[in-house]
PDB file of N, CA and C in Angstrom:
ATOM      1  N   UNK A   1      16.116 -55.621  70.878  1.00  0.00           N
ATOM      2  CA  UNK A   1      16.403 -55.964  69.512  1.00  0.00           C
ATOM      3  C   UNK A   1      15.799 -54.927  68.584  1.00  0.00           C
ATOM      4  N   UNK A   2      16.536 -54.553  67.560  1.00  0.00           N
ATOM      5  CA  UNK A   2      16.062 -53.569  66.591  1.00  0.00           C
ATOM      6  C   UNK A   2      15.061 -54.205  65.641  1.00  0.00           C
ATOM      7  N   UNK A   3      14.224 -53.339  65.063  1.00  0.00           N
ATOM      8  CA  UNK A   3      13.198 -53.820  64.135  1.00  0.00           C
ATOM      9  C   UNK A   3      13.372 -53.117  62.796  1.00  0.00           C
ATOM     10  N   UNK A   4      13.387 -53.917  61.712  1.00  0.00           N
ATOM     11  CA  UNK A   4      13.435 -53.374  60.356  1.00  0.00           C
ATOM     12  C   UNK A   4      12.014 -53.420  59.803  1.00  0.00           C
ATOM     13  N   UNK A   5      11.535 -52.279  59.355  1.00  0.00           N
ATOM     14  CA  UNK A   5      10.219 -52.203  58.726  1.00  0.00           C
ATOM     15  C   UNK A   5      10.408 -52.551  57.247  1.00  0.00           C
ATOM     16  N   UNK A   6       9.682 -53.552  56.785  1.00  0.00           N
ATOM     17  CA  UNK A   6       9.797 -54.018  55.408  1.00  0.00           C
ATOM     18  C   UNK A   6       8.775 -53.272  54.547  1.00  0.00           C
ATOM     19  N   UNK A   7       9.217 -52.577  53.491  1.00  0.00           N
ATOM     20  CA  UNK A   7       8.261 -51.869  52.644  1.00  0.00           C
ATOM     21  C   UNK A   7       7.419 -52.843  51.812  1.00  0.00           C
ATOM     22  N   UNK A   8       6.257 -52.418  51.442  1.00  0.00           N
ATOM     23  CA  UNK A   8       5.320 -53.266  50.701  1.00  0.00           C
ATOM     24  C   UNK A   8       5.947 -53.934  49.473  1.00  0.00           C
ATOM     25  N   UNK A   9       6.733 -53.227  48.641  1.00  0.00           N
ATOM     26  CA  UNK A   9       7.286 -53.893  47.455  1.00  0.00           C
ATOM     27  C   UNK A   9       8.231 -55.063  47.776  1.00  0.00           C
ATOM     28  N   UNK A  10       8.826 -55.074  48.945  1.00  0.00           N
ATOM     29  CA  UNK A  10       9.750 -56.157  49.307  1.00  0.00           C
ATOM     30  C   UNK A  10       9.072 -57.290  50.073  1.00  0.00           C
ATOM     31  N   UNK A  11       7.847 -57.103  50.476  1.00  0.00           N
ATOM     32  CA  UNK A  11       7.173 -58.113  51.301  1.00  0.00           C
ATOM     33  C   UNK A  11       6.941 -59.424  50.562  1.00  0.00           C
ATOM     34  N   UNK A  12       6.858 -59.377  49.237  1.00  0.00           N
ATOM     35  CA  UNK A  12       6.690 -60.624  48.488  1.00  0.00           C
ATOM     36  C   UNK A  12       7.922 -61.510  48.612  1.00  0.00           C
ATOM     37  N   UNK A  13       9.044 -60.940  49.045  1.00  0.00           N
ATOM     38  CA  UNK A  13      10.272 -61.706  49.249  1.00  0.00           C
ATOM     39  C   UNK A  13      10.478 -62.101  50.708  1.00  0.00           C
ATOM     40  N   UNK A  14       9.589 -61.634  51.598  1.00  0.00           N
ATOM     41  CA  UNK A  14       9.725 -61.913  53.030  1.00  0.00           C
ATOM     42  C   UNK A  14       8.499 -62.626  53.583  1.00  0.00           C
ATOM     43  N   UNK A  15       7.858 -63.422  52.757  1.00  0.00           N
ATOM     44  CA  UNK A  15       6.656 -64.155  53.169  1.00  0.00           C
ATOM     45  C   UNK A  15       5.578 -63.207  53.704  1.00  0.00           C
ATOM     46  N   UNK A  16       5.503 -62.017  53.125  1.00  0.00           N
ATOM     47  CA  UNK A  16       4.529 -60.973  53.473  1.00  0.00           C
ATOM     48  C   UNK A  16       4.733 -60.386  54.874  1.00  0.00           C
ATOM     49  N   UNK A  17       5.878 -60.635  55.489  1.00  0.00           N
ATOM     50  CA  UNK A  17       6.153 -60.047  56.799  1.00  0.00           C
ATOM     51  C   UNK A  17       6.350 -58.539  56.662  1.00  0.00           C
ATOM     52  N   UNK A  18       5.769 -57.795  57.587  1.00  0.00           N
ATOM     53  CA  UNK A  18       5.857 -56.338  57.585  1.00  0.00           C
ATOM     54  C   UNK A  18       7.093 -55.827  58.316  1.00  0.00           C
ATOM     55  N   UNK A  19       7.677 -56.680  59.146  1.00  0.00           N
ATOM     56  CA  UNK A  19       8.858 -56.268  59.890  1.00  0.00           C
ATOM     57  C   UNK A  19       9.752 -57.475  60.149  1.00  0.00           C
ATOM     58  N   UNK A  20      10.969 -57.175  60.546  1.00  0.00           N
ATOM     59  CA  UNK A  20      11.964 -58.201  60.830  1.00  0.00           C
ATOM     60  C   UNK A  20      12.718 -57.772  62.085  1.00  0.00           C
ATOM     61  N   UNK A  21      12.785 -58.639  63.053  1.00  0.00           N
ATOM     62  CA  UNK A  21      13.522 -58.363  64.286  1.00  0.00           C
ATOM     63  C   UNK A  21      14.940 -58.883  64.109  1.00  0.00           C
ATOM     64  N   UNK A  22      15.903 -58.018  64.356  1.00  0.00           N
ATOM     65  CA  UNK A  22      17.307 -58.393  64.210  1.00  0.00           C
ATOM     66  C   UNK A  22      18.002 -58.410  65.562  1.00  0.00           C
ATOM     67  N   UNK A  23      18.932 -59.312  65.692  1.00  0.00           N
ATOM     68  CA  UNK A  23      19.745 -59.385  66.905  1.00  0.00           C
ATOM     69  C   UNK A  23      21.069 -58.648  66.734  1.00  0.00           C
ATOM     70  N   UNK A  24      21.294 -58.122  65.539  1.00  0.00           N
ATOM     71  CA  UNK A  24      22.540 -57.406  65.247  1.00  0.00           C
ATOM     72  C   UNK A  24      22.528 -56.015  65.869  1.00  0.00           C
ATOM     73  N   UNK A  25      23.712 -55.469  66.142  1.00  0.00           N
ATOM     74  CA  UNK A  25      23.784 -54.147  66.751  1.00  0.00           C
ATOM     75  C   UNK A  25      24.346 -53.080  65.812  1.00  0.00           C
ATOM     76  N   UNK A  26      24.535 -53.443  64.523  1.00  0.00           N
ATOM     77  CA  UNK A  26      24.920 -52.454  63.521  1.00  0.00           C
ATOM     78  C   UNK A  26      23.956 -52.562  62.340  1.00  0.00           C
ATOM     79  N   UNK A  27      23.830 -51.469  61.603  1.00  0.00           N
ATOM     80  CA  UNK A  27      22.929 -51.458  60.457  1.00  0.00           C
ATOM     81  C   UNK A  27      23.377 -52.462  59.400  1.00  0.00           C
ATOM     82  N   UNK A  28      24.658 -52.509  59.104  1.00  0.00           N
ATOM     83  CA  UNK A  28      25.131 -53.449  58.087  1.00  0.00           C
ATOM     84  C   UNK A  28      24.896 -54.889  58.522  1.00  0.00           C
ATOM     85  N   UNK A  29      25.089 -55.179  59.794  1.00  0.00           N
ATOM     86  CA  UNK A  29      24.819 -56.523  60.308  1.00  0.00           C
ATOM     87  C   UNK A  29      23.345 -56.870  60.233  1.00  0.00           C
ATOM     88  N   UNK A  30      22.495 -55.890  60.511  1.00  0.00           N
ATOM     89  CA  UNK A  30      21.051 -56.115  60.456  1.00  0.00           C
ATOM     90  C   UNK A  30      20.595 -56.387  59.026  1.00  0.00           C
ATOM     91  N   UNK A  31      21.124 -55.625  58.067  1.00  0.00           N
ATOM     92  CA  UNK A  31      20.774 -55.846  56.669  1.00  0.00           C
ATOM     93  C   UNK A  31      21.258 -57.216  56.222  1.00  0.00           C
ATOM     94  N   UNK A  32      22.457 -57.583  56.627  1.00  0.00           N
ATOM     95  CA  UNK A  32      22.978 -58.904  56.272  1.00  0.00           C
ATOM     96  C   UNK A  32      22.119 -60.018  56.880  1.00  0.00           C
ATOM     97  N   UNK A  33      21.693 -59.859  58.115  1.00  0.00           N
ATOM     98  CA  UNK A  33      20.847 -60.861  58.755  1.00  0.00           C
ATOM     99  C   UNK A  33      19.498 -60.972  58.038  1.00  0.00           C
ATOM    100  N   UNK A  34      18.937 -59.836  57.612  1.00  0.00           N
ATOM    101  CA  UNK A  34      17.692 -59.848  56.846  1.00  0.00           C
ATOM    102  C   UNK A  34      17.872 -60.641  55.552  1.00  0.00           C
ATOM    103  N   UNK A  35      18.982 -60.417  54.871  1.00  0.00           N
ATOM    104  CA  UNK A  35      19.252 -61.108  53.603  1.00  0.00           C
ATOM    105  C   UNK A  35      19.495 -62.596  53.826  1.00  0.00           C
ATOM    106  N   UNK A  36      20.136 -62.947  54.920  1.00  0.00           N
ATOM    107  CA  UNK A  36      20.349 -64.371  55.222  1.00  0.00           C
ATOM    108  C   UNK A  36      19.016 -65.072  55.484  1.00  0.00           C
ATOM    109  N   UNK A  37      18.094 -64.379  56.138  1.00  0.00           N
ATOM    110  CA  UNK A  37      16.778 -64.952  56.423  1.00  0.00           C
ATOM    111  C   UNK A  37      15.908 -65.019  55.167  1.00  0.00           C
ATOM    112  N   UNK A  38      16.022 -63.983  54.325  1.00  0.00           N
ATOM    113  CA  UNK A  38      15.212 -63.886  53.107  1.00  0.00           C
ATOM    114  C   UNK A  38      16.133 -63.583  51.923  1.00  0.00           C
ATOM    115  N   UNK A  39      16.796 -64.591  51.364  1.00  0.00           N
ATOM    116  CA  UNK A  39      17.794 -64.380  50.300  1.00  0.00           C
ATOM    117  C   UNK A  39      17.261 -63.664  49.060  1.00  0.00           C
ATOM    118  N   UNK A  40      15.981 -63.792  48.752  1.00  0.00           N
ATOM    119  CA  UNK A  40      15.434 -63.150  47.554  1.00  0.00           C
ATOM    120  C   UNK A  40      15.385 -61.628  47.677  1.00  0.00           C
ATOM    121  N   UNK A  41      15.532 -61.107  48.868  1.00  0.00           N
ATOM    122  CA  UNK A  41      15.547 -59.659  49.074  1.00  0.00           C
ATOM    123  C   UNK A  41      16.831 -59.050  48.512  1.00  0.00           C
ATOM    124  N   UNK A  42      17.892 -59.819  48.505  1.00  0.00           N
ATOM    125  CA  UNK A  42      19.216 -59.287  48.166  1.00  0.00           C
ATOM    126  C   UNK A  42      19.251 -58.546  46.843  1.00  0.00           C
ATOM    127  N   UNK A  43      18.775 -59.154  45.790  1.00  0.00           N
ATOM    128  CA  UNK A  43      18.872 -58.521  44.471  1.00  0.00           C
ATOM    129  C   UNK A  43      18.010 -57.267  44.361  1.00  0.00           C
ATOM    130  N   UNK A  44      17.033 -57.133  45.202  1.00  0.00           N
ATOM    131  CA  UNK A  44      16.174 -55.957  45.194  1.00  0.00           C
ATOM    132  C   UNK A  44      16.660 -54.863  46.132  1.00  0.00           C
ATOM    133  N   UNK A  45      17.490 -55.223  47.077  1.00  0.00           N
ATOM    134  CA  UNK A  45      17.971 -54.275  48.081  1.00  0.00           C
ATOM    135  C   UNK A  45      19.404 -53.820  47.822  1.00  0.00           C
ATOM    136  N   UNK A  46      20.250 -54.748  47.342  1.00  0.00           N
ATOM    137  CA  UNK A  46      21.670 -54.446  47.145  1.00  0.00           C
ATOM    138  C   UNK A  46      22.038 -54.434  45.672  1.00  0.00           C
ATOM    139  N   UNK A  47      23.039 -53.615  45.330  1.00  0.00           N
ATOM    140  CA  UNK A  47      23.550 -53.606  43.964  1.00  0.00           C
ATOM    141  C   UNK A  47      24.628 -54.688  43.814  1.00  0.00           C
ATOM    142  N   UNK A  48      25.268 -54.734  42.658  1.00  0.00           N
ATOM    143  CA  UNK A  48      26.267 -55.768  42.379  1.00  0.00           C
ATOM    144  C   UNK A  48      27.498 -55.667  43.273  1.00  0.00           C
ATOM    145  N   UNK A  49      27.735 -54.484  43.847  1.00  0.00           N
ATOM    146  CA  UNK A  49      28.878 -54.290  44.742  1.00  0.00           C
ATOM    147  C   UNK A  49      28.532 -54.572  46.203  1.00  0.00           C
ATOM    148  N   UNK A  50      27.274 -54.958  46.464  1.00  0.00           N
ATOM    149  CA  UNK A  50      26.855 -55.258  47.825  1.00  0.00           C
ATOM    150  C   UNK A  50      26.418 -54.049  48.621  1.00  0.00           C
ATOM    151  N   UNK A  51      26.251 -52.912  47.954  1.00  0.00           N
ATOM    152  CA  UNK A  51      25.784 -51.693  48.608  1.00  0.00           C
ATOM    153  C   UNK A  51      24.276 -51.559  48.455  1.00  0.00           C
ATOM    154  N   UNK A  52      23.646 -50.885  49.408  1.00  0.00           N
ATOM    155  CA  UNK A  52      22.218 -50.619  49.294  1.00  0.00           C
ATOM    156  C   UNK A  52      22.021 -49.769  48.040  1.00  0.00           C
ATOM    157  N   UNK A  53      21.064 -50.161  47.224  1.00  0.00           N
ATOM    158  CA  UNK A  53      20.813 -49.480  45.951  1.00  0.00           C
ATOM    159  C   UNK A  53      20.562 -47.987  46.159  1.00  0.00           C
ATOM    160  N   UNK A  54      20.995 -47.191  45.189  1.00  0.00           N
ATOM    161  CA  UNK A  54      20.953 -45.732  45.321  1.00  0.00           C
ATOM    162  C   UNK A  54      19.540 -45.174  45.439  1.00  0.00           C
ATOM    163  N   UNK A  55      18.545 -45.869  44.926  1.00  0.00           N
ATOM    164  CA  UNK A  55      17.169 -45.364  44.991  1.00  0.00           C
ATOM    165  C   UNK A  55      16.438 -45.804  46.253  1.00  0.00           C
ATOM    166  N   UNK A  56      17.145 -46.438  47.173  1.00  0.00           N
ATOM    167  CA  UNK A  56      16.546 -46.871  48.436  1.00  0.00           C
ATOM    168  C   UNK A  56      17.095 -46.009  49.569  1.00  0.00           C
ATOM    169  N   UNK A  57      16.202 -45.440  50.331  1.00  0.00           N
ATOM    170  CA  UNK A  57      16.580 -44.634  51.494  1.00  0.00           C
ATOM    171  C   UNK A  57      16.405 -45.480  52.752  1.00  0.00           C
ATOM    172  N   UNK A  58      17.277 -45.254  53.714  1.00  0.00           N
ATOM    173  CA  UNK A  58      17.201 -45.975  54.981  1.00  0.00           C
ATOM    174  C   UNK A  58      17.126 -44.937  56.102  1.00  0.00           C
ATOM    175  N   UNK A  59      16.174 -45.153  56.991  1.00  0.00           N
ATOM    176  CA  UNK A  59      15.976 -44.253  58.118  1.00  0.00           C
ATOM    177  C   UNK A  59      16.116 -45.024  59.422  1.00  0.00           C
ATOM    178  N   UNK A  60      16.743 -44.386  60.383  1.00  0.00           N
ATOM    179  CA  UNK A  60      16.760 -44.885  61.749  1.00  0.00           C
ATOM    180  C   UNK A  60      15.932 -43.889  62.535  1.00  0.00           C
ATOM    181  N   UNK A  61      14.771 -44.353  62.958  1.00  0.00           N
ATOM    182  CA  UNK A  61      13.803 -43.426  63.528  1.00  0.00           C
ATOM    183  C   UNK A  61      13.370 -42.468  62.436  1.00  0.00           C
ATOM    184  N   UNK A  62      13.528 -41.156  62.670  1.00  0.00           N
ATOM    185  CA  UNK A  62      13.167 -40.144  61.682  1.00  0.00           C
ATOM    186  C   UNK A  62      14.368 -39.623  60.905  1.00  0.00           C
ATOM    187  N   UNK A  63      15.561 -40.160  61.176  1.00  0.00           N
ATOM    188  CA  UNK A  63      16.782 -39.648  60.569  1.00  0.00           C
ATOM    189  C   UNK A  63      17.256 -40.533  59.429  1.00  0.00           C
ATOM    190  N   UNK A  64      17.462 -39.912  58.259  1.00  0.00           N
ATOM    191  CA  UNK A  64      17.997 -40.648  57.127  1.00  0.00           C
ATOM    192  C   UNK A  64      19.476 -40.944  57.382  1.00  0.00           C
ATOM    193  N   UNK A  65      19.874 -42.160  57.090  1.00  0.00           N
ATOM    194  CA  UNK A  65      21.274 -42.546  57.225  1.00  0.00           C
ATOM    195  C   UNK A  65      21.748 -43.107  55.893  1.00  0.00           C
ATOM    196  N   UNK A  66      23.041 -43.047  55.690  1.00  0.00           N
ATOM    197  CA  UNK A  66      23.634 -43.630  54.488  1.00  0.00           C
ATOM    198  C   UNK A  66      24.234 -44.965  54.886  1.00  0.00           C
ATOM    199  N   UNK A  67      23.557 -46.068  54.564  1.00  0.00           N
ATOM    200  CA  UNK A  67      24.053 -47.381  54.982  1.00  0.00           C
ATOM    201  C   UNK A  67      25.345 -47.777  54.282  1.00  0.00           C
ATOM    202  N   UNK A  68      25.697 -47.062  53.199  1.00  0.00           N
ATOM    203  CA  UNK A  68      26.924 -47.378  52.468  1.00  0.00           C
ATOM    204  C   UNK A  68      28.105 -46.535  52.939  1.00  0.00           C
ATOM    205  N   UNK A  69      27.817 -45.524  53.781  1.00  0.00           N
ATOM    206  CA  UNK A  69      28.869 -44.632  54.250  1.00  0.00           C
ATOM    207  C   UNK A  69      29.889 -45.389  55.096  1.00  0.00           C
ATOM    208  N   UNK A  70      29.394 -46.116  56.034  1.00  0.00           N
ATOM    209  CA  UNK A  70      30.249 -47.012  56.816  1.00  0.00           C
ATOM    210  C   UNK A  70      29.356 -48.068  57.438  1.00  0.00           C
ATOM    211  N   UNK A  71      29.926 -49.181  57.742  1.00  0.00           N
ATOM    212  CA  UNK A  71      29.134 -50.298  58.238  1.00  0.00           C
ATOM    213  C   UNK A  71      28.889 -50.280  59.723  1.00  0.00           C
ATOM    214  N   UNK A  72      29.283 -49.207  60.389  1.00  0.00           N
ATOM    215  CA  UNK A  72      29.210 -49.243  61.841  1.00  0.00           C
ATOM    216  C   UNK A  72      28.118 -48.342  62.422  1.00  0.00           C
ATOM    217  N   UNK A  73      27.075 -48.073  61.641  1.00  0.00           N
ATOM    218  CA  UNK A  73      25.942 -47.337  62.205  1.00  0.00           C
ATOM    219  C   UNK A  73      25.336 -48.240  63.270  1.00  0.00           C
ATOM    220  N   UNK A  74      25.372 -47.778  64.513  1.00  0.00           N
ATOM    221  CA  UNK A  74      24.928 -48.620  65.622  1.00  0.00           C
ATOM    222  C   UNK A  74      23.415 -48.579  65.801  1.00  0.00           C
ATOM    223  N   UNK A  75      22.884 -49.722  66.230  1.00  0.00           N
ATOM    224  CA  UNK A  75      21.460 -49.845  66.502  1.00  0.00           C
ATOM    225  C   UNK A  75      21.254 -50.161  67.971  1.00  0.00           C
ATOM    226  N   UNK A  76      20.380 -49.415  68.610  1.00  0.00           N
ATOM    227  CA  UNK A  76      20.001 -49.715  69.988  1.00  0.00           C
ATOM    228  C   UNK A  76      18.920 -50.783  69.964  1.00  0.00           C
ATOM    229  N   UNK A  77      18.610 -51.336  71.132  1.00  0.00           N
ATOM    230  CA  UNK A  77      17.615 -52.411  71.209  1.00  0.00           C
ATOM    231  C   UNK A  77      16.244 -51.987  70.708  1.00  0.00           C
ATOM    232  N   UNK A  78      15.888 -50.738  70.912  1.00  0.00           N
ATOM    233  CA  UNK A  78      14.544 -50.282  70.538  1.00  0.00           C
ATOM    234  C   UNK A  78      14.523 -49.486  69.225  1.00  0.00           C
ATOM    235  N   UNK A  79      15.579 -49.615  68.436  1.00  0.00           N
ATOM    236  CA  UNK A  79      15.685 -48.884  67.178  1.00  0.00           C
ATOM    237  C   UNK A  79      14.715 -49.424  66.141  1.00  0.00           C
ATOM    238  N   UNK A  80      14.117 -48.511  65.388  1.00  0.00           N
ATOM    239  CA  UNK A  80      13.256 -48.894  64.272  1.00  0.00           C
ATOM    240  C   UNK A  80      13.927 -48.401  62.990  1.00  0.00           C
ATOM    241  N   UNK A  81      14.231 -49.338  62.102  1.00  0.00           N
ATOM    242  CA  UNK A  81      14.882 -49.043  60.830  1.00  0.00           C
ATOM    243  C   UNK A  81      13.819 -49.139  59.737  1.00  0.00           C
ATOM    244  N   UNK A  82      13.726 -48.106  58.926  1.00  0.00           N
ATOM    245  CA  UNK A  82      12.772 -48.115  57.815  1.00  0.00           C
ATOM    246  C   UNK A  82      13.533 -48.141  56.496  1.00  0.00           C
ATOM    247  N   UNK A  83      13.121 -49.026  55.613  1.00  0.00           N
ATOM    248  CA  UNK A  83      13.664 -49.105  54.257  1.00  0.00           C
ATOM    249  C   UNK A  83      12.607 -48.481  53.356  1.00  0.00           C
ATOM    250  N   UNK A  84      12.985 -47.444  52.613  1.00  0.00           N
ATOM    251  CA  UNK A  84      12.021 -46.710  51.806  1.00  0.00           C
ATOM    252  C   UNK A  84      12.505 -46.653  50.357  1.00  0.00           C
ATOM    253  N   UNK A  85      11.909 -47.479  49.480  1.00  0.00           N
ATOM    254  CA  UNK A  85      12.278 -47.401  48.069  1.00  0.00           C
ATOM    255  C   UNK A  85      11.652 -46.172  47.426  1.00  0.00           C
ATOM    256  N   UNK A  86      12.363 -45.593  46.459  1.00  0.00           N
ATOM    257  CA  UNK A  86      11.834 -44.435  45.739  1.00  0.00           C
ATOM    258  C   UNK A  86      10.605 -44.843  44.953  1.00  0.00           C
ATOM    259  N   UNK A  87       9.672 -43.928  44.859  1.00  0.00           N
ATOM    260  CA  UNK A  87       8.464 -44.163  44.092  1.00  0.00           C
ATOM    261  C   UNK A  87       8.422 -43.117  42.987  1.00  0.00           C
ATOM    262  N   UNK A  88       8.286 -43.567  41.754  1.00  0.00           N
ATOM    263  CA  UNK A  88       8.248 -42.658  40.622  1.00  0.00           C
ATOM    264  C   UNK A  88       6.899 -42.766  39.934  1.00  0.00           C
ATOM    265  N   UNK A  89       6.581 -41.748  39.203  1.00  0.00           N
ATOM    266  CA  UNK A  89       5.349 -41.786  38.435  1.00  0.00           C
ATOM    267  C   UNK A  89       4.695 -40.430  38.373  1.00  0.00           C
ATOM    268  N   UNK A  90       3.543 -40.403  37.832  1.00  0.00           N
ATOM    269  CA  UNK A  90       2.809 -39.154  37.726  1.00  0.00           C
ATOM    270  C   UNK A  90       3.012 -38.500  36.374  1.00  0.00           C
ATOM    271  N   UNK A  91       2.482 -37.311  36.240  1.00  0.00           N
ATOM    272  CA  UNK A  91       2.550 -36.594  34.966  1.00  0.00           C
ATOM    273  C   UNK A  91       3.386 -35.349  35.124  1.00  0.00           C
TER     274      UNK A  91
END
């Protein structure tokens, strides 16, 4: 089963869980399963069209993927998916 790493800003919507184990074998299915388990994540992760927000990067292992490109990005059983929101600030 693949594992989604939950970033700190989203943990308040996932009962402070740091990760989520998904039984889905595609990235879009895994994201949907995460949202079904934790509905409050949806508005912070997806835009009004149901796409992952533009300021959020998604990585499978060390490789950045575009989760909106197509819904069939496959996940192996030992895949680690990282959700990385953009961080702004500084001078």
